[in-house]
Structure formats: structure tokens, C-alpha cells
């Protein structure tokens, strides 16, 4: 396997891929295989160097932001550009982490998650995956993602590894609710199908929504079937790079209530939003991801020690 080497200081590949923001990368040997858009990718890390390989499959589509065009033919972007953009290696991580509140809970999460970055995901893939994530644990979301990819996505090969691209909105919109339920979506099948139809017909123009303000973008996302505030904030953070967006799930709500509001029995959603905006600021999404990953892994390790 011939690799492209990419300088990646202040980056932790394993923590980033295991932090519950993306669900299709599979560990293999010392690295991971997955897809970026329609392209199959292998990537591993040796200290501050990423080694990546991208090959096979169809040329990059408009969903792959780094695609370039020569005439009417779309070409795959250079490996360095594709991988560095996807893993947000240009984010000023030291500056972002330095902007976090200096309290014991946030300090512990920052130290534990050093090198974790917010991935730049493709909009439809991110939206669809988080619609499927409702009331599901990470392991279950991975199973659903793989089932959707195998049934409706295109198969790709990189060396001896088979991977599957995420199906387009058009392909999902053509699927029946029963076919989607067969992928273990349950009640989420109806929501995914409804949103896919809106996206595929252009009524929900995910790319055009990039120009919207945070409030307007959240409003548009929440109007889609199966999308509430938590999923909307996930999509804003992971697909639209709105780094203020602060998704609140069970893990984060527990951390906030135990560590920041232990003396308050009631906290309205409005007051909570105001606190998050004021306290965590413009990089609240990064702070949330660090708190989430630290809480989840700490709980997992604690459970393992008591079994």
C-alpha cells in the first residue's frame, strides 16, 4: 500500500474517530478504513504524521467539497487536501482549547481529549446519520450506518478492504419504509425517508443553507422530519462548521446538571441555552464534544472496572 504522508500536529486520529461524531470508520490493524464522500480511504497515524491512501471508486461528486473540475469531468482531490480538510487540520486547536472555561470539569475534559478535532462531514450524510441516531447508543448507530451503506450505497475497495459509500438522498428517497426498517431504523425509517425526499427534490437545499445565520439554519433543520434541537445542533456543528452549536444529549445534560447546576433542581431550556452561549462562547461545540467524549469514556472505563 503506497501512502501519502500528511503533517498533523496536535491531532489524535483515534480519539477523533471514536468520539461519537462519525460512525462508519472501521479499525483495521494500526489504522482505519472508511469513506470520505464516495472515495475509499485508509488512514493511520505515527506521532504527528498521518499516512493516508485514497483509491478506486467513482470520481469525486459535488458532495466532496475538495473535488476539482476539468471540463465536464469531476476529479478526485489530492489526498493531502481531502484528508486535511476532512479532519479539520487547519483548525487552530491550541487557540480553541485555550478559549475553554478554566473550571475543573472542562480542564479534565480538555486534557483527556487533547488532539480531538471536529470533523467536517458531508451535509446529507451527517443529517441522515443523526436522524438515525435518535435514542440510540453509538454501537447501534454504527450498525444502522453499515446496514444502510451495504443495502443502498456503492461498494468500494481499497487494497483488500471493502467499504461502502453512504447512499445519496435520491437513493434513500426511492427506498420503501419497509426496506429502511429492515436496516434496523424502526420508527426513524419514516423520518429518514421524508427528509430524503425533501432533500432530493431540492425543497430542502442543504448546500444553500450554508449562507443562513445560526438561528435560521437551526429553524430550517428543525422543520425536517425527525430533526429536533439536539440533532439540528449536531448537524450544524459537524456538517456546517458552526462551532458555537452545543448539542445536548443524555451524557451532556448529566454533566451539566451534576457539575454546573447541582444546586438547582429546575433549569429551563431557555436558561440553559443562555448559560451555554455565555459560558462556553464561540467554540462551544468543541467544548461540548470534549465533555461528551470524556464523560462517555470515563463511564465506560468505570463500568469495565466494576464488571
Protein backbone atom coordinates (compact mmCIF):
# COMPACT_ATOMS: atom_id res chain seq x y z
CA UNK A 1 0.00 0.00 0.00
CA UNK A 2 1.51 3.30 -1.10
CA UNK A 3 0.89 6.11 1.38
CA UNK A 4 0.71 9.88 1.26
CA UNK A 5 2.20 11.40 4.40
CA UNK A 6 0.44 14.39 5.93
CA UNK A 7 1.79 16.55 8.74
CA UNK A 8 -0.81 16.52 11.53
CA UNK A 9 0.45 18.17 14.71
CA UNK A 10 -1.93 18.45 17.64
CA UNK A 11 -4.19 15.72 16.26
CA UNK A 12 -5.36 12.38 17.63
CA UNK A 13 -6.90 10.20 14.93
CA UNK A 14 -8.26 7.52 17.26
CA UNK A 15 -9.90 9.94 19.67
CA UNK A 16 -11.43 11.91 16.81
CA UNK A 17 -12.96 8.85 15.12
CA UNK A 18 -14.13 7.34 18.44
CA UNK A 19 -15.79 10.46 19.78
CA UNK A 20 -19.34 9.90 18.53
CA UNK A 21 -19.38 12.41 15.70
CA UNK A 22 -18.98 9.94 12.83
CA UNK A 23 -19.93 6.24 12.79
CA UNK A 24 -18.67 4.34 9.76
CA UNK A 25 -14.88 4.15 10.17
CA UNK A 26 -13.64 0.64 10.94
CA UNK A 27 -10.42 -0.17 12.76
CA UNK A 28 -8.07 -2.43 10.82
CA UNK A 29 -4.58 -3.20 12.08
CA UNK A 30 -2.94 0.07 13.08
CA UNK A 31 -5.35 2.26 11.15
CA UNK A 32 -8.89 2.83 9.97
CA UNK A 33 -10.78 2.32 6.71
CA UNK A 34 -13.81 4.31 5.66
CA UNK A 35 -15.04 6.72 3.04
CA UNK A 36 -14.87 10.45 2.52
CA UNK A 37 -17.76 11.15 0.19
CA UNK A 38 -17.61 8.41 -2.45
CA UNK A 39 -13.91 7.78 -2.02
CA UNK A 40 -12.47 4.81 -0.07
CA UNK A 41 -9.80 5.84 2.41
CA UNK A 42 -7.25 4.12 4.64
CA UNK A 43 -5.55 6.25 7.28
CA UNK A 44 -3.26 5.63 10.25
CA UNK A 45 -1.09 7.80 12.47
CA UNK A 46 2.54 7.74 13.55
CA UNK A 47 3.11 10.56 16.04
CA UNK A 48 2.48 13.80 14.15
CA UNK A 49 2.25 12.14 10.74
CA UNK A 50 -0.89 10.77 9.12
CA UNK A 51 -0.38 8.11 6.46
CA UNK A 52 -3.29 8.02 4.04
CA UNK A 53 -4.30 6.21 0.91
CA UNK A 54 -7.29 7.03 -1.31
CA UNK A 55 -8.07 4.99 -4.38
CA UNK A 56 -10.68 3.27 -6.51
CA UNK A 57 -14.35 4.14 -6.69
CA UNK A 58 -16.06 6.75 -8.79
CA UNK A 59 -14.65 10.23 -9.30
CA UNK A 60 -15.48 12.72 -6.57
CA UNK A 61 -19.00 14.11 -6.67
CA UNK A 62 -20.27 17.58 -5.72
CA UNK A 63 -20.74 16.18 -2.20
CA UNK A 64 -16.98 16.03 -1.87
CA UNK A 65 -16.08 19.64 -1.27
CA UNK A 66 -12.49 19.37 -2.44
CA UNK A 67 -13.43 17.97 -5.86
CA UNK A 68 -12.00 19.82 -8.84
CA UNK A 69 -13.34 20.05 -12.37
CA UNK A 70 -11.62 19.78 -15.74
CA UNK A 71 -14.17 20.41 -18.45
CA UNK A 72 -17.24 18.37 -17.54
CA UNK A 73 -15.28 15.73 -15.63
CA UNK A 74 -15.01 15.85 -11.87
CA UNK A 75 -11.74 14.62 -10.45
CA UNK A 76 -10.78 13.36 -7.03
CA UNK A 77 -8.94 16.00 -4.99
CA UNK A 78 -5.33 15.49 -3.95
CA UNK A 79 -5.08 13.15 -0.98
CA UNK A 80 -3.49 15.79 1.25
CA UNK A 81 -6.29 18.29 0.58
CA UNK A 82 -9.05 15.73 1.03
CA UNK A 83 -7.79 14.24 4.29
CA UNK A 84 -6.57 17.51 5.85
CA UNK A 85 -9.89 19.21 5.09
CA UNK A 86 -11.98 16.31 6.40
CA UNK A 87 -10.10 16.12 9.69
CA UNK A 88 -10.00 19.92 10.04
CA UNK A 89 -6.24 20.03 10.44
CA UNK A 90 -6.42 23.78 9.81
CA UNK A 91 -8.48 24.47 12.94
CA UNK A 92 -6.32 26.44 15.44
CA UNK A 93 -6.78 23.77 18.12
CA UNK A 94 -4.48 25.32 20.73
CA UNK A 95 -6.36 28.61 20.45
CA UNK A 96 -9.72 26.83 20.59
CA UNK A 97 -8.77 24.86 23.71
CA UNK A 98 -7.36 27.96 25.36
CA UNK A 99 -10.76 29.64 24.95
CA UNK A 100 -12.49 26.99 27.09
CA UNK A 101 -13.64 27.97 30.60
CA UNK A 102 -10.99 27.26 33.22
CA UNK A 103 -13.02 25.08 35.56
CA UNK A 104 -12.06 21.60 36.86
CA UNK A 105 -14.60 19.72 34.72
CA UNK A 106 -13.61 21.45 31.49
CA UNK A 107 -9.91 21.24 32.31
CA UNK A 108 -10.16 17.46 32.79
CA UNK A 109 -12.05 17.03 29.54
CA UNK A 110 -9.58 19.21 27.63
CA UNK A 111 -6.58 17.30 28.92
CA UNK A 112 -8.17 13.91 28.24
CA UNK A 113 -9.29 14.82 24.70
CA UNK A 114 -6.09 16.51 23.56
CA UNK A 115 -5.86 16.29 19.78
CA UNK A 116 -9.57 15.62 19.17
CA UNK A 117 -10.90 17.68 16.26
CA UNK A 118 -14.37 18.36 14.86
CA UNK A 119 -14.58 16.53 11.53
CA UNK A 120 -16.01 18.36 8.51
CA UNK A 121 -18.72 15.96 7.41
CA UNK A 122 -20.76 15.99 4.23
CA UNK A 123 -24.14 17.57 4.82
CA UNK A 124 -26.59 14.89 3.65
CA UNK A 125 -24.58 12.05 5.16
CA UNK A 126 -24.33 13.82 8.52
CA UNK A 127 -28.01 14.79 8.57
CA UNK A 128 -29.19 11.30 7.64
CA UNK A 129 -26.90 9.60 10.14
CA UNK A 130 -28.06 11.75 13.04
CA UNK A 131 -31.72 11.23 12.12
CA UNK A 132 -30.93 7.53 12.51
CA UNK A 133 -29.19 8.18 15.84
CA UNK A 134 -32.25 9.26 17.79
CA UNK A 135 -32.46 7.34 21.10
CA UNK A 136 -29.61 5.05 20.05
CA UNK A 137 -26.20 4.30 21.51
CA UNK A 138 -23.04 4.70 19.42
CA UNK A 139 -22.69 0.95 18.77
CA UNK A 140 -26.26 0.78 17.45
CA UNK A 141 -25.76 3.85 15.23
CA UNK A 142 -22.71 2.15 13.70
CA UNK A 143 -24.83 -0.92 12.91
CA UNK A 144 -27.54 1.18 11.26
CA UNK A 145 -24.99 3.16 9.24
CA UNK A 146 -23.35 -0.02 7.98
CA UNK A 147 -26.71 -1.60 7.10
CA UNK A 148 -27.76 1.47 5.09
CA UNK A 149 -24.42 1.60 3.29
CA UNK A 150 -24.44 -2.10 2.41
CA UNK A 151 -28.03 -2.10 1.16
CA UNK A 152 -28.22 1.23 -0.65
CA UNK A 153 -24.65 2.54 -1.03
CA UNK A 154 -21.99 1.78 -3.62
CA UNK A 155 -19.31 -0.75 -2.76
CA UNK A 156 -15.72 0.44 -2.91
CA UNK A 157 -12.44 -1.38 -2.47
CA UNK A 158 -9.11 -0.18 -1.15
CA UNK A 159 -6.47 -2.88 -1.34
CA UNK A 160 -8.11 -5.88 0.37
CA UNK A 161 -10.70 -3.88 2.28
CA UNK A 162 -14.32 -3.41 1.22
CA UNK A 163 -16.11 -0.21 2.25
CA UNK A 164 -19.44 1.31 1.28
CA UNK A 165 -20.26 4.91 0.41
CA UNK A 166 -23.26 6.47 2.13
CA UNK A 167 -26.31 6.38 -0.20
CA UNK A 168 -27.45 9.63 -1.75
CA UNK A 169 -30.67 11.34 -0.72
CA UNK A 170 -32.12 10.35 -4.10
CA UNK A 171 -31.39 6.66 -3.46
CA UNK A 172 -32.84 6.74 0.05
CA UNK A 173 -35.93 8.62 -1.20
CA UNK A 174 -36.62 5.76 -3.63
CA UNK A 175 -36.49 3.16 -0.84
CA UNK A 176 -39.66 1.96 0.83
CA UNK A 177 -40.23 2.43 4.53
CA UNK A 178 -40.08 -1.35 4.95
CA UNK A 179 -36.68 -1.51 3.24
CA UNK A 180 -35.39 1.14 5.62
CA UNK A 181 -36.90 -0.62 8.62
CA UNK A 182 -35.00 -3.74 7.55
CA UNK A 183 -31.86 -1.71 8.31
CA UNK A 184 -32.98 -1.57 11.97
CA UNK A 185 -34.21 2.01 11.78
CA UNK A 186 -37.58 1.36 13.43
CA UNK A 187 -39.74 4.50 13.59
CA UNK A 188 -36.78 6.50 12.25
CA UNK A 189 -37.36 4.99 8.79
CA UNK A 190 -40.35 7.25 8.13
CA UNK A 191 -38.40 10.34 9.20
CA UNK A 192 -35.35 9.45 7.12
CA UNK A 193 -37.47 8.76 4.05
CA UNK A 194 -39.41 12.01 4.46
CA UNK A 195 -36.26 14.10 4.83
CA UNK A 196 -34.57 12.31 1.91
CA UNK A 197 -37.50 13.22 -0.34
CA UNK A 198 -37.31 16.88 0.66
CA UNK A 199 -33.56 16.96 0.01
CA UNK A 200 -33.70 15.02 -3.26
CA UNK A 201 -36.37 17.28 -4.77
CA UNK A 202 -34.48 20.41 -3.72
CA UNK A 203 -37.11 21.67 -1.29
CA UNK A 204 -34.50 21.33 1.43
CA UNK A 205 -31.37 22.77 -0.19
CA UNK A 206 -28.66 21.76 2.25
CA UNK A 207 -25.87 23.48 0.36
CA UNK A 208 -27.73 26.79 0.03
CA UNK A 209 -28.44 26.73 3.76
CA UNK A 210 -24.74 27.33 4.37
CA UNK A 211 -25.43 31.05 3.87
CA UNK A 212 -28.02 31.20 6.67
CA UNK A 213 -27.46 32.57 10.15
CA UNK A 214 -27.21 30.09 13.01
CA UNK A 215 -30.76 30.75 14.17
CA UNK A 216 -32.23 30.46 10.68
CA UNK A 217 -30.23 27.34 9.89
CA UNK A 218 -31.42 25.69 13.10
CA UNK A 219 -35.01 26.65 12.23
CA UNK A 220 -34.75 25.11 8.74
CA UNK A 221 -33.19 21.91 10.07
CA UNK A 222 -35.80 21.54 12.83
CA UNK A 223 -38.55 21.72 10.19
CA UNK A 224 -37.31 18.45 8.66
CA UNK A 225 -38.89 15.12 9.69
CA UNK A 226 -37.05 13.56 12.61
CA UNK A 227 -34.96 16.64 13.43
CA UNK A 228 -35.21 18.32 16.81
CA UNK A 229 -32.87 20.80 18.52
CA UNK A 230 -30.27 18.18 19.51
CA UNK A 231 -29.96 16.68 16.01
CA UNK A 232 -30.06 20.14 14.42
CA UNK A 233 -27.16 21.26 16.60
CA UNK A 234 -25.20 18.11 15.74
CA UNK A 235 -25.64 18.79 12.03
CA UNK A 236 -24.76 22.44 12.47
CA UNK A 237 -21.57 21.53 14.31
CA UNK A 238 -20.37 18.56 12.27
CA UNK A 239 -21.59 19.49 8.76
CA UNK A 240 -21.87 23.28 8.73
CA UNK A 241 -18.87 24.07 10.97
CA UNK A 242 -20.97 26.23 13.29
CA UNK A 243 -18.59 25.85 16.21
CA UNK A 244 -20.93 27.58 18.66
CA UNK A 245 -23.56 24.85 18.26
CA UNK A 246 -23.88 22.88 21.51
CA UNK A 247 -25.84 19.60 21.14
CA UNK A 248 -27.38 18.39 24.41
CA UNK A 249 -27.92 14.66 24.79
CA UNK A 250 -28.21 12.43 27.87
CA UNK A 251 -24.44 12.49 28.55
CA UNK A 252 -24.08 16.25 28.28
CA UNK A 253 -27.23 17.00 30.24
CA UNK A 254 -25.94 14.76 33.04
CA UNK A 255 -22.57 16.53 33.06
CA UNK A 256 -24.17 19.97 33.06
CA UNK A 257 -26.63 19.18 35.82
CA UNK A 258 -24.15 17.35 38.05
CA UNK A 259 -21.19 19.66 37.59
CA UNK A 260 -22.65 23.09 36.86
CA UNK A 261 -26.20 23.07 38.29
CA UNK A 262 -26.03 20.63 41.19
CA UNK A 263 -27.86 23.07 43.48
CA UNK A 264 -30.64 23.84 41.02
CA UNK A 265 -33.48 21.38 40.75
CA UNK A 266 -35.02 23.08 37.73
CA UNK A 267 -33.34 24.66 34.75
CA UNK A 268 -35.49 25.75 31.81
CA UNK A 269 -34.29 25.06 28.27
CA UNK A 270 -34.09 28.80 27.60
CA UNK A 271 -31.93 29.49 30.67
CA UNK A 272 -29.72 26.53 29.79
CA UNK A 273 -29.18 27.85 26.25
CA UNK A 274 -28.34 31.29 27.62
CA UNK A 275 -25.82 29.80 30.03
CA UNK A 276 -24.15 27.69 27.32
CA UNK A 277 -23.85 30.64 24.96
CA UNK A 278 -22.40 32.89 27.63
CA UNK A 279 -20.15 30.38 29.39
CA UNK A 280 -18.70 28.34 26.50
CA UNK A 281 -18.78 31.01 23.79
CA UNK A 282 -17.77 30.77 20.17
CA UNK A 283 -16.13 27.36 20.48
CA UNK A 284 -18.93 25.79 22.50
CA UNK A 285 -19.23 22.92 20.03
CA UNK A 286 -15.66 21.87 20.68
CA UNK A 287 -16.20 22.17 24.44
CA UNK A 288 -19.32 20.01 24.14
CA UNK A 289 -17.50 17.32 22.18
CA UNK A 290 -14.70 17.20 24.72
CA UNK A 291 -17.14 16.98 27.63
CA UNK A 292 -19.16 14.32 25.82
CA UNK A 293 -16.20 12.11 24.91
CA UNK A 294 -14.61 12.41 28.34
CA UNK A 295 -17.87 11.56 30.14
CA UNK A 296 -18.64 8.65 27.83
CA UNK A 297 -15.19 7.05 28.01
CA UNK A 298 -14.92 7.63 31.78
CA UNK A 299 -18.26 5.92 32.28
CA UNK A 300 -17.24 3.04 30.01
CA UNK A 301 -13.96 2.56 31.88
CA UNK A 302 -15.73 2.75 35.24
CA UNK A 303 -18.23 0.10 34.14
CA UNK A 304 -15.45 -2.14 32.87
CA UNK A 305 -13.62 -1.92 36.21
CA UNK A 306 -16.72 -2.98 38.15
CA UNK A 307 -17.65 -5.95 35.97
